[in-house]
Each structure stands twice: as C-alpha cells, then as structure tokens.
C-alpha cells in the first residue's frame, strides 16, 4: 500500500468566476483537452516562465569571454529575416482588404454628395 508521502498526485482546488471558467472551457475545447489538463499545462508553463526569468546563467570565464565577444561583434544579417521584412504585411495586401476598390477618394466623395442630394 502506498503511503501518503509517496503519492505522486496532489489535488488543487480554486474558486473562479463563471466567466473565467467559460473562457477556459472554450479554449480547452478548441485544443481538444479537458479543463484539468488545459489549466494544469497553462499553470506549469506560467510557473516555468517565472522561474526562467530568475534563474542564474552560469558559464566558465572562457565561455563568458566568447559570449561577450559575440555580443560586441558586428551584427550579421539573417537571410530568412531579410526575406521576411521584404514581404508586405497581411493587412497591406489587396486580397486582405476583401478585393473591394472604392476607386479614388475624389470619386467616392462625389458619390456621397450625389446620394446626399437625392435624400433631400
């Protein structure tokens, strides 16, 4: 029989507003996960992030010298990043605007004036 000290799982309970539970349930469903699995993974990931922010980085004096030399050296372009920055942003492409062309601003303004005149 396993003693309480050897138990590998420990319950965790918390009270949350219904709106928070609904958000969690919706996100868990989108991932195909149970609420428990989703919350456990999110909590552990957040905890690891906090621990990594405060974890000291240890290296040898030679390793630190090489690290500083790399930081102090000239920057080298990364071809993939250069290519990425040459592309138009999704919101800048004509296709993302729904292929709707209202024409030049002057034409759109004259259409508004003619419609306004018809309403009177």
Foldseek 3Di string as FASTA:
>chain_A
DDDPVRDPDDDDDDDDDPVVVVVLCVVCVVVVHDSVVSVVVVVVVVVVVVVVVPDDDDDDPVVVVVVVCVVPDDDDDDVVVVVVVVDDDLVPDCVSVVVDDPDDPVSVVVVVVVVVVVVD
